[in-house]
Amino acid sequence: MRSLVNNTLRFLQSEDGPTAVEYAVMLALILVACIVIVTSLGKSVSSTFSKVNNAMS
């Protein structure tokens, strides 16, 4: 039982856990930014291709 308590205290005092959470939050924010950028660029590119297609016909 004492070993379990010591391991739990060591885990809570360790800085690896918060660092991993910070990296996960940063990764999530980067992914959201990429999705927003790709979505907006996709709409812009689609509009441009539509204009070119209509101009050629």
C-alpha atoms as a PDB file:
ATOM      1  CA  MET A   1       0.000   0.000   0.000  1.00  0.00           C
ATOM      2  CA  ARG A   2       2.848   2.344   0.834  1.00  0.00           C
ATOM      3  CA  SER A   3       4.353   1.693  -2.580  1.00  0.00           C
ATOM      4  CA  LEU A   4       1.108   2.666  -4.289  1.00  0.00           C
ATOM      5  CA  VAL A   5       0.954   5.915  -2.342  1.00  0.00           C
ATOM      6  CA  ASN A   6       4.598   6.697  -3.133  1.00  0.00           C
ATOM      7  CA  ASN A   7       4.097   5.976  -6.837  1.00  0.00           C
ATOM      8  CA  THR A   8       0.977   8.145  -6.914  1.00  0.00           C
ATOM      9  CA  LEU A   9       2.757  11.033  -5.213  1.00  0.00           C
ATOM     10  CA  ARG A  10       5.719  10.704  -7.568  1.00  0.00           C
ATOM     11  CA  PHE A  11       3.356  10.749 -10.573  1.00  0.00           C
ATOM     12  CA  LEU A  12       1.525  13.833  -9.313  1.00  0.00           C
ATOM     13  CA  GLN A  13       4.789  15.676  -8.681  1.00  0.00           C
ATOM     14  CA  SER A  14       6.242  14.712 -12.045  1.00  0.00           C
ATOM     15  CA  GLU A  15       6.137  17.366 -14.740  1.00  0.00           C
ATOM     16  CA  ASP A  16       5.736  14.899 -17.599  1.00  0.00           C
ATOM     17  CA  GLY A  17       1.948  14.781 -17.286  1.00  0.00           C
ATOM     18  CA  PRO A  18       1.302  18.537 -17.590  1.00  0.00           C
ATOM     19  CA  THR A  19       3.820  18.771 -20.430  1.00  0.00           C
ATOM     20  CA  ALA A  20       2.008  16.063 -22.368  1.00  0.00           C
ATOM     21  CA  VAL A  21      -1.300  17.851 -21.807  1.00  0.00           C
ATOM     22  CA  GLU A  22       0.187  21.134 -23.020  1.00  0.00           C
ATOM     23  CA  TYR A  23       1.476  19.453 -26.176  1.00  0.00           C
ATOM     24  CA  ALA A  24      -1.924  17.860 -26.768  1.00  0.00           C
ATOM     25  CA  VAL A  25      -3.658  21.242 -26.436  1.00  0.00           C
ATOM     26  CA  MET A  26      -1.161  22.871 -28.814  1.00  0.00           C
ATOM     27  CA  LEU A  27      -1.645  20.059 -31.318  1.00  0.00           C
ATOM     28  CA  ALA A  28      -5.420  20.446 -31.128  1.00  0.00           C
ATOM     29  CA  LEU A  29      -5.177  24.198 -31.727  1.00  0.00           C
ATOM     30  CA  ILE A  30      -2.843  23.686 -34.694  1.00  0.00           C
ATOM     31  CA  LEU A  31      -5.225  21.102 -36.176  1.00  0.00           C
ATOM     32  CA  VAL A  32      -8.194  23.447 -35.784  1.00  0.00           C
ATOM     33  CA  ALA A  33      -6.250  26.259 -37.465  1.00  0.00           C
ATOM     34  CA  CYS A  34      -5.257  23.964 -40.352  1.00  0.00           C
ATOM     35  CA  ILE A  35      -8.835  22.801 -40.837  1.00  0.00           C
ATOM     36  CA  VAL A  36     -10.103  26.388 -40.913  1.00  0.00           C
ATOM     37  CA  ILE A  37      -7.416  27.428 -43.403  1.00  0.00           C
ATOM     38  CA  VAL A  38      -7.992  24.448 -45.697  1.00  0.00           C
ATOM     39  CA  THR A  39     -11.765  24.991 -45.608  1.00  0.00           C
ATOM     40  CA  SER A  40     -11.503  28.666 -46.509  1.00  0.00           C
ATOM     41  CA  LEU A  41      -8.918  28.001 -49.228  1.00  0.00           C
ATOM     42  CA  GLY A  42     -11.055  25.181 -50.606  1.00  0.00           C
ATOM     43  CA  LYS A  43     -14.027  27.493 -51.017  1.00  0.00           C
ATOM     44  CA  SER A  44     -11.849  30.123 -52.669  1.00  0.00           C
ATOM     45  CA  VAL A  45     -10.237  27.648 -55.062  1.00  0.00           C
ATOM     46  CA  SER A  46     -13.607  26.106 -55.903  1.00  0.00           C
ATOM     47  CA  SER A  47     -14.984  29.544 -56.727  1.00  0.00           C
ATOM     48  CA  THR A  48     -11.979  30.317 -58.940  1.00  0.00           C
ATOM     49  CA  PHE A  49     -12.275  27.022 -60.837  1.00  0.00           C
ATOM     50  CA  SER A  50     -16.002  27.653 -61.345  1.00  0.00           C
ATOM     51  CA  LYS A  51     -15.281  31.099 -62.817  1.00  0.00           C
ATOM     52  CA  VAL A  52     -12.633  29.678 -65.149  1.00  0.00           C
ATOM     53  CA  ASN A  53     -14.944  26.841 -66.186  1.00  0.00           C
ATOM     54  CA  ASN A  54     -17.784  29.256 -66.949  1.00  0.00           C
ATOM     55  CA  ALA A  55     -15.441  31.537 -68.899  1.00  0.00           C
ATOM     56  CA  MET A  56     -14.281  28.644 -71.081  1.00  0.00           C
ATOM     57  CA  SER A  57     -17.768  27.513 -72.051  1.00  0.00           C
END
